[in-house]
Each structure stands twice: as structure tokens, then as C-alpha cells.
N, C-alpha and C. Protein backbone atom coordinates (compact mmCIF):
# COMPACT_ATOMS: atom_id res chain seq x y z
N MET A 1 63.58 -55.99 -31.91
CA MET A 1 63.31 -56.92 -32.65
C MET A 1 62.31 -56.74 -32.14
N ASN A 2 60.66 -57.86 -32.65
CA ASN A 2 60.09 -57.87 -32.08
C ASN A 2 59.58 -59.41 -31.88
N CYS A 3 58.90 -59.09 -30.42
CA CYS A 3 58.97 -60.60 -29.90
C CYS A 3 57.89 -60.31 -29.64
N ILE A 4 57.21 -61.74 -30.06
CA ILE A 4 55.78 -62.16 -29.33
C ILE A 4 55.53 -63.53 -28.96
N THR A 5 54.86 -63.43 -28.10
CA THR A 5 54.74 -64.44 -27.41
C THR A 5 53.17 -65.39 -27.48
N ALA A 6 53.20 -66.47 -27.67
CA ALA A 6 51.97 -67.25 -28.26
C ALA A 6 51.93 -68.66 -27.55
N LEU A 7 50.87 -68.77 -26.54
CA LEU A 7 51.67 -70.31 -26.31
C LEU A 7 50.13 -71.13 -26.12
N SER A 8 50.28 -72.14 -27.03
CA SER A 8 48.90 -73.24 -27.56
C SER A 8 49.51 -74.55 -27.32
N GLN A 9 48.74 -75.17 -26.87
CA GLN A 9 48.72 -77.20 -27.17
C GLN A 9 48.66 -77.46 -28.63
N VAL A 10 49.19 -77.40 -29.81
CA VAL A 10 49.08 -77.84 -31.36
C VAL A 10 49.23 -79.49 -31.30
N LYS A 11 48.37 -79.68 -31.76
CA LYS A 11 48.34 -81.25 -32.67
C LYS A 11 49.45 -81.28 -33.31
N PRO A 12 50.09 -82.31 -34.13
CA PRO A 12 51.21 -82.70 -34.68
C PRO A 12 50.71 -82.05 -36.12
N ALA A 13 51.00 -80.80 -36.31
CA ALA A 13 50.80 -80.11 -37.66
C ALA A 13 52.20 -80.46 -38.63
N LEU A 14 53.35 -80.28 -37.92
CA LEU A 14 54.39 -80.59 -38.38
C LEU A 14 55.17 -81.75 -38.44
N PRO A 15 54.84 -82.51 -39.02
CA PRO A 15 55.55 -84.55 -38.54
C PRO A 15 56.93 -83.69 -38.68
N GLU A 16 57.97 -83.05 -39.34
CA GLU A 16 59.37 -82.52 -39.43
C GLU A 16 59.42 -82.13 -37.69
N LEU A 17 59.21 -81.36 -37.11
CA LEU A 17 58.73 -80.86 -36.00
C LEU A 17 59.22 -81.92 -35.41
N ASP A 18 58.16 -82.87 -35.37
CA ASP A 18 58.09 -84.08 -34.01
C ASP A 18 59.77 -84.63 -34.27
N ASP A 19 59.93 -84.62 -35.50
CA ASP A 19 61.50 -86.11 -36.10
C ASP A 19 62.52 -85.00 -35.32
N VAL A 20 62.49 -83.75 -35.54
CA VAL A 20 63.67 -83.01 -35.32
C VAL A 20 63.47 -82.89 -34.01
N LEU A 21 62.71 -82.92 -33.32
CA LEU A 21 62.68 -82.74 -31.67
C LEU A 21 63.21 -83.57 -30.83
N GLN A 22 63.11 -85.27 -31.30
CA GLN A 22 62.99 -86.01 -31.09
C GLN A 22 64.80 -86.36 -30.92
N ALA A 23 65.00 -86.04 -31.88
CA ALA A 23 66.26 -86.07 -32.52
C ALA A 23 66.72 -85.69 -31.37
N ALA A 24 66.59 -83.86 -31.11
CA ALA A 24 67.43 -83.38 -30.55
C ALA A 24 67.59 -83.68 -29.24
N VAL A 25 66.37 -84.39 -28.28
CA VAL A 25 65.97 -85.21 -27.17
C VAL A 25 67.03 -86.14 -27.06
N ASN A 26 67.18 -87.30 -28.50
CA ASN A 26 68.30 -87.96 -27.89
C ASN A 26 69.42 -87.87 -28.32
N ALA A 27 69.99 -86.49 -28.79
CA ALA A 27 71.12 -86.37 -28.47
C ALA A 27 71.52 -84.87 -27.10
N ALA A 28 70.71 -84.85 -26.45
CA ALA A 28 70.39 -84.13 -25.79
C ALA A 28 70.92 -82.82 -25.83
N ALA A 29 70.11 -82.69 -26.88
CA ALA A 29 70.77 -81.13 -27.71
C ALA A 29 70.10 -79.68 -26.59
N SER A 30 70.25 -78.95 -27.01
CA SER A 30 69.97 -77.73 -26.26
C SER A 30 69.01 -77.04 -27.46
N ARG A 31 69.86 -76.80 -29.13
CA ARG A 31 69.69 -75.99 -29.52
C ARG A 31 69.11 -76.71 -30.96
N ILE A 32 68.40 -76.20 -31.57
CA ILE A 32 68.14 -76.64 -33.05
C ILE A 32 68.45 -75.23 -34.05
N TYR A 33 70.08 -75.14 -35.04
CA TYR A 33 70.14 -74.49 -35.94
C TYR A 33 69.19 -74.44 -37.49
N LEU A 34 69.28 -73.78 -37.82
CA LEU A 34 68.62 -73.80 -39.07
C LEU A 34 69.05 -73.08 -40.22
N SER A 35 69.62 -73.44 -41.12
CA SER A 35 69.95 -72.29 -41.85
C SER A 35 69.98 -72.85 -43.48
N ALA A 36 69.16 -71.58 -43.69
CA ALA A 36 68.85 -71.72 -45.22
C ALA A 36 69.62 -70.81 -46.79
N ARG A 37 70.10 -71.84 -47.45
CA ARG A 37 70.79 -70.63 -48.44
C ARG A 37 70.13 -70.78 -50.02
N ALA A 38 70.56 -70.11 -50.97
CA ALA A 38 69.92 -70.47 -52.37
C ALA A 38 70.29 -71.78 -52.56
N ASP A 39 70.96 -72.05 -52.47
CA ASP A 39 71.67 -73.69 -52.48
C ASP A 39 71.43 -75.01 -52.28
N LYS A 40 71.00 -74.81 -50.44
CA LYS A 40 70.90 -75.88 -49.88
C LYS A 40 70.29 -75.51 -48.38
N ALA A 41 69.73 -76.20 -47.52
CA ALA A 41 69.17 -75.73 -46.46
C ALA A 41 70.03 -76.81 -45.01
N ILE A 42 70.69 -76.35 -43.98
CA ILE A 42 70.83 -77.52 -43.55
C ILE A 42 70.54 -77.72 -42.00
N VAL A 43 70.01 -78.34 -41.20
CA VAL A 43 69.57 -78.46 -40.11
C VAL A 43 70.57 -78.77 -38.72
N ARG A 44 70.76 -78.14 -37.84
CA ARG A 44 72.07 -78.67 -37.20
C ARG A 44 71.44 -78.86 -35.37
N ILE A 45 72.21 -79.54 -34.80
CA ILE A 45 71.29 -79.39 -33.64
C ILE A 45 72.67 -79.74 -32.71
N LEU A 46 72.81 -78.66 -31.35
CA LEU A 46 73.98 -78.51 -30.82
C LEU A 46 73.34 -79.36 -29.14
N ALA A 47 74.43 -80.39 -29.33
CA ALA A 47 74.58 -81.52 -28.23
C ALA A 47 76.24 -81.08 -28.14
N ASN A 48 76.35 -81.19 -26.54
CA ASN A 48 76.98 -81.05 -25.78
C ASN A 48 78.50 -80.51 -26.17
N ALA A 49 78.40 -79.23 -26.22
CA ALA A 49 78.93 -77.89 -26.75
C ALA A 49 79.54 -78.45 -28.50
N GLU A 50 78.54 -79.25 -29.45
CA GLU A 50 79.19 -79.81 -30.43
C GLU A 50 78.06 -79.27 -31.70
N LEU A 51 77.95 -78.95 -32.83
CA LEU A 51 76.90 -78.76 -33.21
C LEU A 51 77.47 -80.28 -34.69
N GLN A 52 75.78 -80.77 -35.19
CA GLN A 52 75.65 -81.91 -34.88
C GLN A 52 74.61 -81.78 -36.20
N GLU A 53 75.32 -82.11 -37.61
CA GLU A 53 74.74 -82.47 -39.09
C GLU A 53 72.99 -82.83 -38.17
N TYR A 54 71.69 -82.66 -38.84
CA TYR A 54 70.77 -83.53 -38.50
C TYR A 54 70.55 -83.98 -39.93
N ALA A 55 70.36 -82.86 -40.41
CA ALA A 55 69.92 -83.19 -41.98
C ALA A 55 69.77 -82.32 -43.30
N VAL A 56 70.22 -82.49 -44.32
CA VAL A 56 70.56 -81.59 -45.38
C VAL A 56 69.22 -81.24 -46.15
N TRP A 57 67.65 -80.11 -46.08
CA TRP A 57 66.91 -79.75 -46.64
C TRP A 57 67.34 -79.50 -48.17
N PRO A 58 66.38 -79.99 -49.59
CA PRO A 58 65.80 -78.32 -49.99
C PRO A 58 65.50 -77.05 -49.58
N THR A 59 65.66 -76.30 -50.53
CA THR A 59 65.99 -74.70 -49.44
C THR A 59 64.41 -74.66 -49.14
N PRO A 60 63.47 -75.00 -50.55
CA PRO A 60 61.91 -74.59 -50.18
C PRO A 60 61.46 -75.28 -49.23
N GLN A 61 61.71 -76.11 -48.90
CA GLN A 61 61.45 -77.46 -47.56
C GLN A 61 61.70 -76.37 -46.40
N LEU A 62 62.72 -75.99 -46.05
CA LEU A 62 62.90 -75.20 -44.81
C LEU A 62 62.89 -74.13 -44.85
N ARG A 63 61.98 -73.37 -45.82
CA ARG A 63 61.94 -72.27 -46.48
C ARG A 63 60.36 -72.57 -45.52
N GLN A 64 59.59 -73.49 -46.06
CA GLN A 64 58.18 -73.80 -45.38
C GLN A 64 57.88 -74.15 -44.71
N PHE A 65 59.20 -75.01 -43.76
CA PHE A 65 59.09 -75.50 -42.66
C PHE A 65 58.73 -74.37 -41.58
N ALA A 66 60.09 -73.19 -41.44
CA ALA A 66 60.19 -71.77 -40.78
C ALA A 66 59.22 -70.86 -41.32
N THR A 67 58.09 -71.42 -42.17
CA THR A 67 56.99 -70.26 -42.71
C THR A 67 56.27 -70.59 -41.23
N ASP A 68 56.26 -72.10 -41.44
CA ASP A 68 54.73 -72.87 -40.49
C ASP A 68 55.15 -72.96 -38.85
N LEU A 69 56.30 -73.46 -38.92
CA LEU A 69 56.55 -72.31 -37.76
C LEU A 69 56.79 -71.37 -36.68
N TYR A 70 56.75 -70.37 -37.41
CA TYR A 70 56.41 -69.41 -36.91
C TYR A 70 54.83 -68.69 -37.44
N GLN A 71 54.19 -69.32 -37.72
CA GLN A 71 52.93 -69.01 -37.84
C GLN A 71 52.41 -69.63 -36.89
N LEU A 72 52.63 -71.39 -36.48
CA LEU A 72 51.84 -71.78 -35.36
C LEU A 72 52.88 -71.28 -33.84
N ALA A 73 53.67 -70.36 -33.87
CA ALA A 73 54.26 -69.73 -32.41
C ALA A 73 53.48 -68.73 -32.61
N ALA A 74 53.36 -67.70 -33.53
CA ALA A 74 52.89 -66.11 -33.79
C ALA A 74 51.68 -65.90 -34.39
N ASP A 75 51.15 -66.80 -34.85
CA ASP A 75 50.02 -66.63 -36.20
C ASP A 75 49.95 -65.45 -36.92
N ASP A 76 51.58 -65.02 -37.12
CA ASP A 76 52.03 -64.33 -38.21
C ASP A 76 52.62 -64.59 -39.60
N GLU A 77 52.71 -63.91 -40.59
CA GLU A 77 53.64 -64.52 -41.12
C GLU A 77 55.16 -64.47 -41.04
N PHE A 78 55.77 -65.45 -41.16
CA PHE A 78 57.70 -65.59 -41.67
C PHE A 78 58.10 -64.37 -42.90
N ASP A 79 58.73 -63.73 -42.27
CA ASP A 79 59.61 -62.90 -43.64
C ASP A 79 61.35 -63.26 -43.32
N GLU A 80 61.76 -64.10 -43.78
CA GLU A 80 63.27 -64.09 -44.08
C GLU A 80 64.43 -63.02 -43.76
N SER A 81 62.94 -61.70 -44.31
CA SER A 81 64.04 -60.62 -44.46
C SER A 81 64.40 -59.68 -43.28
N ILE A 82 63.41 -60.01 -42.19
CA ILE A 82 63.83 -58.79 -41.48
C ILE A 82 63.86 -59.98 -39.88
N PRO A 83 65.15 -59.74 -38.72
CA PRO A 83 64.50 -60.63 -37.82
C PRO A 83 63.22 -60.82 -36.79
N GLN A 84 62.88 -61.91 -36.76
CA GLN A 84 61.68 -61.86 -36.19
C GLN A 84 61.91 -63.41 -34.99
N ASP A 85 61.49 -62.77 -33.78
CA ASP A 85 61.16 -64.23 -33.11
C ASP A 85 59.90 -64.57 -31.96
N ALA A 86 59.92 -65.20 -31.57
CA ALA A 86 58.69 -66.25 -31.08
C ALA A 86 58.90 -67.05 -30.12
N THR A 87 58.12 -67.84 -29.03
CA THR A 87 57.90 -68.52 -28.21
C THR A 87 56.96 -69.30 -28.58
N PHE A 88 56.66 -70.94 -28.39
CA PHE A 88 55.60 -71.31 -28.13
C PHE A 88 56.17 -72.42 -27.61
N GLU A 89 54.79 -72.80 -27.38
CA GLU A 89 54.90 -74.67 -26.11
C GLU A 89 54.23 -75.45 -27.18
N HIS A 90 54.52 -76.93 -27.65
CA HIS A 90 54.23 -77.64 -28.74
C HIS A 90 54.57 -79.42 -27.45
N HIS A 91 53.45 -79.81 -27.76
CA HIS A 91 53.29 -81.47 -27.26
C HIS A 91 53.63 -82.80 -28.34
N VAL A 92 54.56 -83.71 -27.75
CA VAL A 92 54.68 -84.61 -28.47
C VAL A 92 54.28 -85.53 -28.06
N GLY A 93 52.82 -86.22 -27.35
CA GLY A 93 52.62 -87.29 -26.62
C GLY A 93 52.61 -86.77 -25.02
N ASP A 94 53.46 -86.92 -24.61
CA ASP A 94 53.25 -86.59 -22.96
C ASP A 94 54.16 -85.88 -23.23
N ILE A 95 55.20 -85.62 -23.43
CA ILE A 95 56.17 -84.57 -23.69
C ILE A 95 55.66 -83.29 -23.77
N ARG A 96 56.22 -82.26 -23.22
CA ARG A 96 56.12 -81.11 -23.62
C ARG A 96 57.30 -79.97 -23.65
N TYR A 97 57.09 -79.37 -25.21
CA TYR A 97 58.58 -78.46 -25.58
C TYR A 97 57.93 -76.77 -25.20
N GLN A 98 58.92 -76.33 -24.83
CA GLN A 98 58.89 -74.85 -24.69
C GLN A 98 60.10 -74.40 -25.46
N LEU A 99 59.68 -73.99 -26.91
CA LEU A 99 60.55 -73.73 -28.04
C LEU A 99 60.49 -72.19 -27.96
N LYS A 100 61.58 -71.45 -27.97
CA LYS A 100 62.02 -69.92 -28.55
C LYS A 100 62.91 -69.95 -29.14
N PHE A 101 62.37 -69.09 -30.45
CA PHE A 101 63.19 -69.14 -31.98
C PHE A 101 63.14 -68.05 -32.14
N CYS A 102 64.74 -67.75 -32.92
CA CYS A 102 64.95 -66.24 -33.45
C CYS A 102 65.44 -66.35 -34.74
N SER A 103 65.18 -65.83 -35.88
CA SER A 103 65.82 -65.79 -37.23
C SER A 103 65.95 -64.48 -37.85
N LEU A 104 67.61 -64.23 -38.10
CA LEU A 104 68.18 -63.49 -39.05
C LEU A 104 68.26 -63.18 -40.43
N PRO A 105 68.20 -62.30 -41.63
CA PRO A 105 68.61 -62.45 -42.46
C PRO A 105 70.35 -62.76 -42.82
N ALA A 106 70.02 -63.83 -43.62
CA ALA A 106 71.79 -63.94 -44.64
C ALA A 106 71.85 -62.79 -45.73
N TYR A 107 72.84 -62.99 -45.55
CA TYR A 107 73.00 -61.80 -47.06
C TYR A 107 73.42 -63.14 -47.68
N PRO A 108 73.32 -62.91 -49.53
CA PRO A 108 72.47 -61.92 -49.96
C PRO A 108 71.03 -62.56 -49.97
N VAL A 109 71.08 -63.98 -49.55
CA VAL A 109 69.60 -64.56 -49.81
C VAL A 109 69.73 -65.95 -49.38
N GLY A 110 68.40 -65.72 -48.32
CA GLY A 110 68.73 -66.99 -46.82
C GLY A 110 68.55 -66.37 -45.77
N PHE A 111 68.55 -66.78 -44.68
CA PHE A 111 68.02 -67.12 -43.13
C PHE A 111 68.83 -68.04 -42.73
N ASP A 112 69.01 -67.27 -41.38
CA ASP A 112 69.77 -68.39 -40.00
C ASP A 112 68.30 -68.44 -38.61
N MET A 113 67.63 -69.49 -38.52
CA MET A 113 67.19 -69.45 -37.39
C MET A 113 68.00 -70.38 -36.35
N CYS A 114 67.55 -69.96 -35.05
CA CYS A 114 67.98 -70.79 -33.67
C CYS A 114 66.54 -70.56 -33.32
N THR A 115 66.89 -72.18 -32.52
CA THR A 115 65.51 -72.76 -31.75
C THR A 115 66.08 -73.28 -30.27
N LEU A 116 66.14 -72.43 -28.66
CA LEU A 116 65.97 -73.01 -27.88
C LEU A 116 65.24 -73.88 -27.48
N LEU A 117 65.95 -75.17 -26.74
CA LEU A 117 64.91 -76.17 -26.35
C LEU A 117 64.84 -76.27 -25.27
N ILE A 118 63.96 -76.59 -24.65
CA ILE A 118 63.22 -76.99 -23.42
C ILE A 118 61.90 -77.56 -23.54
N VAL A 119 62.69 -78.70 -22.44
CA VAL A 119 61.75 -79.94 -22.52
C VAL A 119 61.23 -80.39 -20.87
N ASP A 120 59.70 -80.32 -21.09
CA ASP A 120 59.59 -80.79 -19.27
C ASP A 120 58.68 -82.02 -19.51
N ASN A 121 58.85 -82.88 -19.09
CA ASN A 121 58.27 -84.37 -18.63
C ASN A 121 57.11 -83.76 -17.70
């Protein structure tokens, strides 16, 4: 797998990212899972060893979210057909998030992405 590290202070370019992060922090979650399939896309958070559904998005919206997220992290193109990893720092107000994510293709169409969430106050 290709591991890319890009640290940057990012202005809120992805309002959905800020919303998902806030929900994850409120639930004391350690991970965020994104699953895209041909017919739907699901955003889940892992809190207290329980996977909770956060949102169901149209698949194109989640694909765009993953693409934007990867571009923020790695300054590169997201390709859902290959495994990809990246880490980056994201600020929302005074809270600093360290995010590490990895994606895997899902046969026949789609991908899964796991984001490890570390919060520094």
C-alpha cells in the first residue's frame, strides 16, 4: 500500500467533514467508517465498541466526499479501485484532529474507507 503523509492546517473546505467529526467526538467515537456501493452509501461511527449509523448519503455524494478528503490529505487523486492511505491534521475551531484513513476497493463496485480519529484539545 502507498502511505502518504501530508500535514496541513485546512480551512473548513468540507462542511460534511466538520459535521461528521463533531458527531464522532460527541459520541466518543474512535473511528469513522464510510461504505459506498452502487445503490447507497453509509457513514458509520464506532463508539463504545458499537458501530452506529450516522447517515445514509447518495453514493455520488460519498464518492465526492472521499475524493475531497483524499485531496486534502495527500494532495493527490482518490482512486476507489486501489487501496490508499493518508494522514493529515484538520482544525475545527480550537480543536485539532489528527486523521488517518485507508480505503479498500469493494467488489464489484464501491469502496470502504476507515478513518482513525485522534482529538487534541
